[in-house]
Amino acid sequence: MTVKELAVTTRNDCPSSPTALPEIALARPPAWPPGLPGPAADACSHRSYLELEALAIAVPQARRHIRGTLAQWGLSQIAPDAELITSELVTNAVSASAASASAGLLFRPGVGLLVAAHSDRLIVMVQDASQEPPVLRPPADDAMTGRGLGIVAALSTRWGWVTDAGGKIVWAMVDLGQV
């Protein structure tokens, strides 16, 4: 499968550099949701937006995107935690959006990933097509799934969710002063 088949859209507002990620197409990130802590995305020193189809292949694509973006911003030291947070949030978003698609929508809903860095924090936001709230619950010992939000909670300073017109946005914040 090639990148063109993934229908990836990215917006990367970083200054150009020799290691810059290629921009595939310009997209408008979702509005900064009310109730999200920290400065609005427009006030952040760096931001990047990626749209993906709600397919399993979106997860590794999102991980590569955040790893490359953080390297470009000089934040490689937090890439492992940010990749894991992103992976868990995108996995949940793909599942939530796929469930919405099976509920009779004409088009397959997408998953949006917005990463924003301010001087003291990194915020990862993932948008999906479901308005069902994420539920943090202890998984059964033999469960194959259900640990994602626990991992997000353990690796982030704060996390939460807000609804928007098209579904919900689940976000996680990492304090850059502690890295």
Foldseek 3Di string as FASTA:
>chain_A
DDPVVFVKAKDWPDDDDPLDDDGPHDDDDDFQDPPDDDDGQVPFPTKMKMKTFLDPVVLVVQLVVQCSNCVSVVNNVCSVLVSLLSNLVSPVQSVQQVVVVVVDDPDRWMKMWMWTHHPWKIKIKIDHQAQDFDDQDDDDPPDPDRCSVVSLVVSAPDWGKDADPRHIMTMGMHTNVVD
